[in-house]
């Protein structure tokens, strides 16, 4: 996987899917199902972010030069209303 895909496109999927779920009409998906889908999306994103963070910390302990980017990647899966500036 290229770095663009790994560090930009994949972390953006979770916030975009929650926003897309927000804009689906209630007549298509009822409120309970929408809430459960949003909860599932957020839980999967949380599990993936924790895994990536642990992977980045292990890489940092081994001295891999790009480990800083790997360790900071889970921060980009946060709330899209609060962008992280580098």
PDB file of N, CA and C in Angstrom:
ATOM      1  N   UNK A   1       0.830  -1.174   0.000  1.00  0.00           N
ATOM      2  CA  UNK A   1       0.000   0.000   0.000  1.00  0.00           C
ATOM      3  C   UNK A   1       0.880   1.245   0.000  1.00  0.00           C
ATOM      4  N   UNK A   2       0.504   2.218  -0.771  1.00  0.00           N
ATOM      5  CA  UNK A   2       1.260   3.465  -0.804  1.00  0.00           C
ATOM      6  C   UNK A   2       1.015   4.276   0.455  1.00  0.00           C
ATOM      7  N   UNK A   3       1.907   5.189   0.742  1.00  0.00           N
ATOM      8  CA  UNK A   3       1.799   6.007   1.959  1.00  0.00           C
ATOM      9  C   UNK A   3       0.547   6.880   1.931  1.00  0.00           C
ATOM     10  N   UNK A   4       0.171   7.382   0.756  1.00  0.00           N
ATOM     11  CA  UNK A   4      -1.034   8.205   0.651  1.00  0.00           C
ATOM     12  C   UNK A   4      -2.261   7.402   1.055  1.00  0.00           C
ATOM     13  N   UNK A   5      -2.354   6.191   0.580  1.00  0.00           N
ATOM     14  CA  UNK A   5      -3.489   5.338   0.917  1.00  0.00           C
ATOM     15  C   UNK A   5      -3.481   4.981   2.393  1.00  0.00           C
ATOM     16  N   UNK A   6      -2.329   4.644   2.902  1.00  0.00           N
ATOM     17  CA  UNK A   6      -2.220   4.179   4.277  1.00  0.00           C
ATOM     18  C   UNK A   6      -2.454   5.280   5.294  1.00  0.00           C
ATOM     19  N   UNK A   7      -1.933   6.477   5.052  1.00  0.00           N
ATOM     20  CA  UNK A   7      -1.952   7.526   6.070  1.00  0.00           C
ATOM     21  C   UNK A   7      -3.022   8.588   5.865  1.00  0.00           C
ATOM     22  N   UNK A   8      -3.633   8.620   4.690  1.00  0.00           N
ATOM     23  CA  UNK A   8      -4.654   9.647   4.457  1.00  0.00           C
ATOM     24  C   UNK A   8      -6.002   9.036   4.121  1.00  0.00           C
ATOM     25  N   UNK A   9      -6.055   8.168   3.139  1.00  0.00           N
ATOM     26  CA  UNK A   9      -7.345   7.651   2.686  1.00  0.00           C
ATOM     27  C   UNK A   9      -7.998   6.694   3.685  1.00  0.00           C
ATOM     28  N   UNK A  10      -7.245   5.781   4.248  1.00  0.00           N
ATOM     29  CA  UNK A  10      -7.832   4.827   5.192  1.00  0.00           C
ATOM     30  C   UNK A  10      -8.323   5.487   6.488  1.00  0.00           C
ATOM     31  N   UNK A  11      -7.565   6.407   7.111  1.00  0.00           N
ATOM     32  CA  UNK A  11      -8.088   7.046   8.318  1.00  0.00           C
ATOM     33  C   UNK A  11      -9.302   7.941   8.078  1.00  0.00           C
ATOM     34  N   UNK A  12      -9.499   8.390   6.847  1.00  0.00           N
ATOM     35  CA  UNK A  12     -10.625   9.270   6.550  1.00  0.00           C
ATOM     36  C   UNK A  12     -11.926   8.478   6.373  1.00  0.00           C
ATOM     37  N   UNK A  13     -11.836   7.174   6.179  1.00  0.00           N
ATOM     38  CA  UNK A  13     -13.032   6.370   5.929  1.00  0.00           C
ATOM     39  C   UNK A  13     -14.019   6.400   7.086  1.00  0.00           C
ATOM     40  N   UNK A  14     -13.554   6.294   8.311  1.00  0.00           N
ATOM     41  CA  UNK A  14     -14.471   6.254   9.462  1.00  0.00           C
ATOM     42  C   UNK A  14     -15.254   7.561   9.623  1.00  0.00           C
ATOM     43  N   UNK A  15     -14.604   8.725   9.636  1.00  0.00           N
ATOM     44  CA  UNK A  15     -15.387   9.952   9.756  1.00  0.00           C
ATOM     45  C   UNK A  15     -16.333  10.185   8.574  1.00  0.00           C
ATOM     46  N   UNK A  16     -15.880   9.828   7.357  1.00  0.00           N
ATOM     47  CA  UNK A  16     -16.755  10.004   6.198  1.00  0.00           C
ATOM     48  C   UNK A  16     -17.966   9.082   6.247  1.00  0.00           C
ATOM     49  N   UNK A  17     -17.780   7.866   6.735  1.00  0.00           N
ATOM     50  CA  UNK A  17     -18.920   6.955   6.821  1.00  0.00           C
ATOM     51  C   UNK A  17     -19.909   7.406   7.886  1.00  0.00           C
ATOM     52  N   UNK A  18     -19.445   7.996   8.980  1.00  0.00           N
ATOM     53  CA  UNK A  18     -20.362   8.527   9.988  1.00  0.00           C
ATOM     54  C   UNK A  18     -21.124   9.721   9.423  1.00  0.00           C
ATOM     55  N   UNK A  19     -20.452  10.579   8.679  1.00  0.00           N
ATOM     56  CA  UNK A  19     -21.127  11.733   8.064  1.00  0.00           C
ATOM     57  C   UNK A  19     -22.126  11.258   7.012  1.00  0.00           C
ATOM     58  N   UNK A  20     -21.778  10.244   6.229  1.00  0.00           N
ATOM     59  CA  UNK A  20     -22.716   9.700   5.242  1.00  0.00           C
ATOM     60  C   UNK A  20     -23.925   9.080   5.931  1.00  0.00           C
ATOM     61  N   UNK A  21     -23.703   8.442   7.043  1.00  0.00           N
ATOM     62  CA  UNK A  21     -24.801   7.873   7.820  1.00  0.00           C
ATOM     63  C   UNK A  21     -25.701   8.972   8.374  1.00  0.00           C
ATOM     64  N   UNK A  22     -25.100  10.094   8.737  1.00  0.00           N
ATOM     65  CA  UNK A  22     -25.861  11.238   9.238  1.00  0.00           C
ATOM     66  C   UNK A  22     -26.824  11.770   8.171  1.00  0.00           C
ATOM     67  N   UNK A  23     -26.399  11.761   6.919  1.00  0.00           N
ATOM     68  CA  UNK A  23     -27.217  12.326   5.846  1.00  0.00           C
ATOM     69  C   UNK A  23     -28.191  11.329   5.220  1.00  0.00           C
ATOM     70  N   UNK A  24     -28.206  10.085   5.673  1.00  0.00           N
ATOM     71  CA  UNK A  24     -29.208   9.149   5.156  1.00  0.00           C
ATOM     72  C   UNK A  24     -30.564   9.485   5.771  1.00  0.00           C
ATOM     73  N   UNK A  25     -31.607   9.428   4.979  1.00  0.00           N
ATOM     74  CA  UNK A  25     -32.921   9.781   5.520  1.00  0.00           C
ATOM     75  C   UNK A  25     -33.424   8.741   6.524  1.00  0.00           C
ATOM     76  N   UNK A  26     -34.223   9.206   7.471  1.00  0.00           N
ATOM     77  CA  UNK A  26     -34.766   8.322   8.500  1.00  0.00           C
ATOM     78  C   UNK A  26     -35.715   7.308   7.870  1.00  0.00           C
ATOM     79  N   UNK A  27     -36.332   7.672   6.761  1.00  0.00           N
ATOM     80  CA  UNK A  27     -37.234   6.727   6.098  1.00  0.00           C
ATOM     81  C   UNK A  27     -36.483   5.531   5.497  1.00  0.00           C
ATOM     82  N   UNK A  28     -35.203   5.702   5.182  1.00  0.00           N
ATOM     83  CA  UNK A  28     -34.406   4.600   4.630  1.00  0.00           C
ATOM     84  C   UNK A  28     -33.893   3.677   5.737  1.00  0.00           C
ATOM     85  N   UNK A  29     -33.385   4.260   6.807  1.00  0.00           N
ATOM     86  CA  UNK A  29     -32.865   3.498   7.946  1.00  0.00           C
ATOM     87  C   UNK A  29     -33.444   4.141   9.206  1.00  0.00           C
ATOM     88  N   UNK A  30     -34.084   3.334  10.061  1.00  0.00           N
ATOM     89  CA  UNK A  30     -34.682   3.914  11.260  1.00  0.00           C
ATOM     90  C   UNK A  30     -33.600   4.356  12.250  1.00  0.00           C
ATOM     91  N   UNK A  31     -34.024   5.076  13.256  1.00  0.00           N
ATOM     92  CA  UNK A  31     -33.081   5.716  14.181  1.00  0.00           C
ATOM     93  C   UNK A  31     -32.231   4.710  14.953  1.00  0.00           C
ATOM     94  N   UNK A  32     -32.840   3.627  15.412  1.00  0.00           N
ATOM     95  CA  UNK A  32     -32.096   2.642  16.182  1.00  0.00           C
ATOM     96  C   UNK A  32     -30.999   2.006  15.334  1.00  0.00           C
ATOM     97  N   UNK A  33     -31.317   1.661  14.106  1.00  0.00           N
ATOM     98  CA  UNK A  33     -30.330   1.048  13.225  1.00  0.00           C
ATOM     99  C   UNK A  33     -29.212   2.024  12.894  1.00  0.00           C
ATOM    100  N   UNK A  34     -29.560   3.279  12.677  1.00  0.00           N
ATOM    101  CA  UNK A  34     -28.536   4.293  12.406  1.00  0.00           C
ATOM    102  C   UNK A  34     -27.599   4.447  13.590  1.00  0.00           C
ATOM    103  N   UNK A  35     -28.163   4.447  14.786  1.00  0.00           N
ATOM    104  CA  UNK A  35     -27.334   4.558  15.978  1.00  0.00           C
ATOM    105  C   UNK A  35     -26.412   3.366  16.159  1.00  0.00           C
ATOM    106  N   UNK A  36     -26.940   2.169  15.909  1.00  0.00           N
ATOM    107  CA  UNK A  36     -26.105   0.975  16.024  1.00  0.00           C
ATOM    108  C   UNK A  36     -25.013   0.939  14.954  1.00  0.00           C
ATOM    109  N   UNK A  37     -25.340   1.387  13.746  1.00  0.00           N
ATOM    110  CA  UNK A  37     -24.322   1.452  12.688  1.00  0.00           C
ATOM    111  C   UNK A  37     -23.232   2.462  13.042  1.00  0.00           C
ATOM    112  N   UNK A  38     -23.629   3.614  13.570  1.00  0.00           N
ATOM    113  CA  UNK A  38     -22.642   4.621  13.967  1.00  0.00           C
ATOM    114  C   UNK A  38     -21.766   4.091  15.096  1.00  0.00           C
ATOM    115  N   UNK A  39     -22.374   3.392  16.054  1.00  0.00           N
ATOM    116  CA  UNK A  39     -21.603   2.809  17.144  1.00  0.00           C
ATOM    117  C   UNK A  39     -20.623   1.760  16.626  1.00  0.00           C
ATOM    118  N   UNK A  40     -21.053   0.932  15.696  1.00  0.00           N
ATOM    119  CA  UNK A  40     -20.173  -0.085  15.123  1.00  0.00           C
ATOM    120  C   UNK A  40     -19.008   0.549  14.370  1.00  0.00           C
ATOM    121  N   UNK A  41     -19.286   1.598  13.601  1.00  0.00           N
ATOM    122  CA  UNK A  41     -18.222   2.284  12.856  1.00  0.00           C
ATOM    123  C   UNK A  41     -17.196   2.871  13.805  1.00  0.00           C
ATOM    124  N   UNK A  42     -17.671   3.509  14.862  1.00  0.00           N
ATOM    125  CA  UNK A  42     -16.762   4.141  15.813  1.00  0.00           C
ATOM    126  C   UNK A  42     -15.951   3.095  16.576  1.00  0.00           C
ATOM    127  N   UNK A  43     -16.558   1.984  16.947  1.00  0.00           N
ATOM    128  CA  UNK A  43     -15.823   0.942  17.663  1.00  0.00           C
ATOM    129  C   UNK A  43     -14.754   0.297  16.785  1.00  0.00           C
ATOM    130  N   UNK A  44     -15.072   0.052  15.522  1.00  0.00           N
ATOM    131  CA  UNK A  44     -14.072  -0.514  14.609  1.00  0.00           C
ATOM    132  C   UNK A  44     -12.923   0.472  14.414  1.00  0.00           C
ATOM    133  N   UNK A  45     -13.243   1.755  14.256  1.00  0.00           N
ATOM    134  CA  UNK A  45     -12.196   2.766  14.087  1.00  0.00           C
ATOM    135  C   UNK A  45     -11.328   2.856  15.338  1.00  0.00           C
ATOM    136  N   UNK A  46     -11.942   2.723  16.513  1.00  0.00           N
ATOM    137  CA  UNK A  46     -11.181   2.768  17.759  1.00  0.00           C
ATOM    138  C   UNK A  46     -10.236   1.582  17.871  1.00  0.00           C
ATOM    139  N   UNK A  47     -10.707   0.396  17.541  1.00  0.00           N
ATOM    140  CA  UNK A  47      -9.861  -0.794  17.617  1.00  0.00           C
ATOM    141  C   UNK A  47      -8.697  -0.696  16.634  1.00  0.00           C
ATOM    142  N   UNK A  48      -8.979  -0.235  15.430  1.00  0.00           N
ATOM    143  CA  UNK A  48      -7.913  -0.077  14.431  1.00  0.00           C
ATOM    144  C   UNK A  48      -6.912   0.987  14.869  1.00  0.00           C
ATOM    145  N   UNK A  49      -7.399   2.095  15.433  1.00  0.00           N
ATOM    146  CA  UNK A  49      -6.500   3.167  15.877  1.00  0.00           C
ATOM    147  C   UNK A  49      -5.601   2.692  17.011  1.00  0.00           C
ATOM    148  N   UNK A  50      -6.136   1.913  17.938  1.00  0.00           N
ATOM    149  CA  UNK A  50      -5.307   1.396  19.028  1.00  0.00           C
ATOM    150  C   UNK A  50      -4.247   0.444  18.470  1.00  0.00           C
ATOM    151  N   UNK A  51      -4.634  -0.395  17.519  1.00  0.00           N
ATOM    152  CA  UNK A  51      -3.669  -1.307  16.906  1.00  0.00           C
ATOM    153  C   UNK A  51      -2.564  -0.576  16.170  1.00  0.00           C
ATOM    154  N   UNK A  52      -2.923   0.466  15.441  1.00  0.00           N
ATOM    155  CA  UNK A  52      -1.914   1.238  14.710  1.00  0.00           C
ATOM    156  C   UNK A  52      -1.001   1.973  15.678  1.00  0.00           C
ATOM    157  N   UNK A  53      -1.564   2.487  16.756  1.00  0.00           N
ATOM    158  CA  UNK A  53      -0.746   3.164  17.754  1.00  0.00           C
ATOM    159  C   UNK A  53       0.250   2.233  18.416  1.00  0.00           C
ATOM    160  N   UNK A  54      -0.184   1.016  18.747  1.00  0.00           N
ATOM    161  CA  UNK A  54       0.725   0.036  19.336  1.00  0.00           C
ATOM    162  C   UNK A  54       1.812  -0.343  18.342  1.00  0.00           C
ATOM    163  N   UNK A  55       1.426  -0.515  17.085  1.00  0.00           N
ATOM    164  CA  UNK A  55       2.416  -0.827  16.044  1.00  0.00           C
ATOM    165  C   UNK A  55       3.440   0.301  15.906  1.00  0.00           C
ATOM    166  N   UNK A  56       2.969   1.543  15.969  1.00  0.00           N
ATOM    167  CA  UNK A  56       3.880   2.683  15.876  1.00  0.00           C
ATOM    168  C   UNK A  56       4.821   2.784  17.061  1.00  0.00           C
ATOM    169  N   UNK A  57       4.310   2.472  18.250  1.00  0.00           N
ATOM    170  CA  UNK A  57       5.174   2.516  19.428  1.00  0.00           C
ATOM    171  C   UNK A  57       6.234   1.426  19.385  1.00  0.00           C
ATOM    172  N   UNK A  58       5.868   0.229  18.925  1.00  0.00           N
ATOM    173  CA  UNK A  58       6.865  -0.834  18.763  1.00  0.00           C
ATOM    174  C   UNK A  58       7.919  -0.437  17.733  1.00  0.00           C
ATOM    175  N   UNK A  59       7.484   0.183  16.643  1.00  0.00           N
ATOM    176  CA  UNK A  59       8.445   0.623  15.623  1.00  0.00           C
ATOM    177  C   UNK A  59       9.355   1.710  16.173  1.00  0.00           C
ATOM    178  N   UNK A  60       8.803   2.564  17.009  1.00  0.00           N
ATOM    179  CA  UNK A  60       9.620   3.632  17.592  1.00  0.00           C
ATOM    180  C   UNK A  60      10.664   3.054  18.549  1.00  0.00           C
ATOM    181  N   UNK A  61      10.284   2.036  19.305  1.00  0.00           N
ATOM    182  CA  UNK A  61      11.239   1.401  20.210  1.00  0.00           C
ATOM    183  C   UNK A  61      12.358   0.700  19.446  1.00  0.00           C
ATOM    184  N   UNK A  62      12.051   0.194  18.242  1.00  0.00           N
ATOM    185  CA  UNK A  62      13.077  -0.457  17.424  1.00  0.00           C
ATOM    186  C   UNK A  62      13.924   0.555  16.672  1.00  0.00           C
ATOM    187  N   UNK A  63      13.512   1.814  16.639  1.00  0.00           N
ATOM    188  CA  UNK A  63      14.306   2.845  15.976  1.00  0.00           C
ATOM    189  C   UNK A  63      14.003   3.025  14.507  1.00  0.00           C
ATOM    190  N   UNK A  64      12.810   2.642  14.054  1.00  0.00           N
ATOM    191  CA  UNK A  64      12.434   2.823  12.653  1.00  0.00           C
ATOM    192  C   UNK A  64      12.241   4.325  12.412  1.00  0.00           C
ATOM    193  N   UNK A  65      12.869   4.897  11.360  1.00  0.00           N
ATOM    194  CA  UNK A  65      12.832   6.349  11.181  1.00  0.00           C
ATOM    195  C   UNK A  65      11.440   6.932  10.900  1.00  0.00           C
ATOM    196  N   UNK A  66      10.535   6.189  10.291  1.00  0.00           N
ATOM    197  CA  UNK A  66       9.211   6.738   9.990  1.00  0.00           C
ATOM    198  C   UNK A  66       8.195   6.401  11.077  1.00  0.00           C
ATOM    199  N   UNK A  67       8.670   5.959  12.231  1.00  0.00           N
ATOM    200  CA  UNK A  67       7.754   5.541  13.285  1.00  0.00           C
ATOM    201  C   UNK A  67       6.950   6.712  13.835  1.00  0.00           C
ATOM    202  N   UNK A  68       7.440   7.919  13.706  1.00  0.00           N
ATOM    203  CA  UNK A  68       6.687   9.086  14.182  1.00  0.00           C
ATOM    204  C   UNK A  68       5.367   9.208  13.438  1.00  0.00           C
ATOM    205  N   UNK A  69       5.391   8.975  12.129  1.00  0.00           N
ATOM    206  CA  UNK A  69       4.168   9.048  11.335  1.00  0.00           C
ATOM    207  C   UNK A  69       3.221   7.911  11.682  1.00  0.00           C
ATOM    208  N   UNK A  70       3.765   6.730  11.937  1.00  0.00           N
ATOM    209  CA  UNK A  70       2.926   5.595  12.295  1.00  0.00           C
ATOM    210  C   UNK A  70       2.288   5.826  13.657  1.00  0.00           C
ATOM    211  N   UNK A  71       3.036   6.381  14.598  1.00  0.00           N
ATOM    212  CA  UNK A  71       2.517   6.610  15.940  1.00  0.00           C
ATOM    213  C   UNK A  71       1.458   7.712  15.946  1.00  0.00           C
ATOM    214  N   UNK A  72       1.551   8.674  15.042  1.00  0.00           N
ATOM    215  CA  UNK A  72       0.577   9.774  14.992  1.00  0.00           C
ATOM    216  C   UNK A  72      -0.628   9.458  14.118  1.00  0.00           C
ATOM    217  N   UNK A  73      -0.599   8.378  13.354  1.00  0.00           N
ATOM    218  CA  UNK A  73      -1.697   8.040  12.454  1.00  0.00           C
ATOM    219  C   UNK A  73      -3.030   7.844  13.159  1.00  0.00           C
ATOM    220  N   UNK A  74      -3.100   7.243  14.361  1.00  0.00           N
ATOM    221  CA  UNK A  74      -4.410   7.092  15.006  1.00  0.00           C
ATOM    222  C   UNK A  74      -5.075   8.409  15.359  1.00  0.00           C
ATOM    223  N   UNK A  75      -4.312   9.460  15.499  1.00  0.00           N
ATOM    224  CA  UNK A  75      -4.908  10.752  15.830  1.00  0.00           C
ATOM    225  C   UNK A  75      -5.758  11.293  14.692  1.00  0.00           C
ATOM    226  N   UNK A  76      -5.493  10.843  13.468  1.00  0.00           N
ATOM    227  CA  UNK A  76      -6.268  11.326  12.338  1.00  0.00           C
ATOM    228  C   UNK A  76      -7.616  10.642  12.229  1.00  0.00           C
ATOM    229  N   UNK A  77      -7.881   9.624  13.045  1.00  0.00           N
ATOM    230  CA  UNK A  77      -9.183   8.961  13.022  1.00  0.00           C
ATOM    231  C   UNK A  77     -10.156   9.599  13.992  1.00  0.00           C
ATOM    232  N   UNK A  78      -9.799  10.746  14.547  1.00  0.00           N
ATOM    233  CA  UNK A  78     -10.656  11.410  15.530  1.00  0.00           C
ATOM    234  C   UNK A  78     -11.814  12.133  14.886  1.00  0.00           C
ATOM    235  N   UNK A  79     -12.388  13.034  15.613  1.00  0.00           N
ATOM    236  CA  UNK A  79     -13.548  13.784  15.170  1.00  0.00           C
ATOM    237  C   UNK A  79     -13.165  14.712  14.024  1.00  0.00           C
ATOM    238  N   UNK A  80     -13.890  14.682  12.920  1.00  0.00           N
ATOM    239  CA  UNK A  80     -13.532  15.551  11.790  1.00  0.00           C
ATOM    240  C   UNK A  80     -13.731  17.040  12.073  1.00  0.00           C
ATOM    241  N   UNK A  81     -14.428  17.378  13.158  1.00  0.00           N
ATOM    242  CA  UNK A  81     -14.626  18.782  13.486  1.00  0.00           C
ATOM    243  C   UNK A  81     -13.379  19.392  14.100  1.00  0.00           C
ATOM    244  N   UNK A  82     -12.464  18.559  14.575  1.00  0.00           N
ATOM    245  CA  UNK A  82     -11.258  19.038  15.216  1.00  0.00           C
ATOM    246  C   UNK A  82     -10.033  18.567  14.460  1.00  0.00           C
ATOM    247  N   UNK A  83      -9.664  19.259  13.382  1.00  0.00           N
ATOM    248  CA  UNK A  83      -8.516  18.789  12.581  1.00  0.00           C
ATOM    249  C   UNK A  83      -7.214  18.962  13.371  1.00  0.00           C
ATOM    250  N   UNK A  84      -6.281  18.089  13.075  1.00  0.00           N
ATOM    251  CA  UNK A  84      -4.982  18.116  13.757  1.00  0.00           C
ATOM    252  C   UNK A  84      -3.983  18.782  12.833  1.00  0.00           C
ATOM    253  N   UNK A  85      -3.368  19.837  13.300  1.00  0.00           N
ATOM    254  CA  UNK A  85      -2.354  20.514  12.489  1.00  0.00           C
ATOM    255  C   UNK A  85      -0.995  19.987  12.883  1.00  0.00           C
ATOM    256  N   UNK A  86      -0.126  19.856  11.877  1.00  0.00           N
ATOM    257  CA  UNK A  86       1.217  19.356  12.155  1.00  0.00           C
ATOM    258  C   UNK A  86       2.218  20.454  12.036  1.00  0.00           C
TER     259      UNK A  86
END
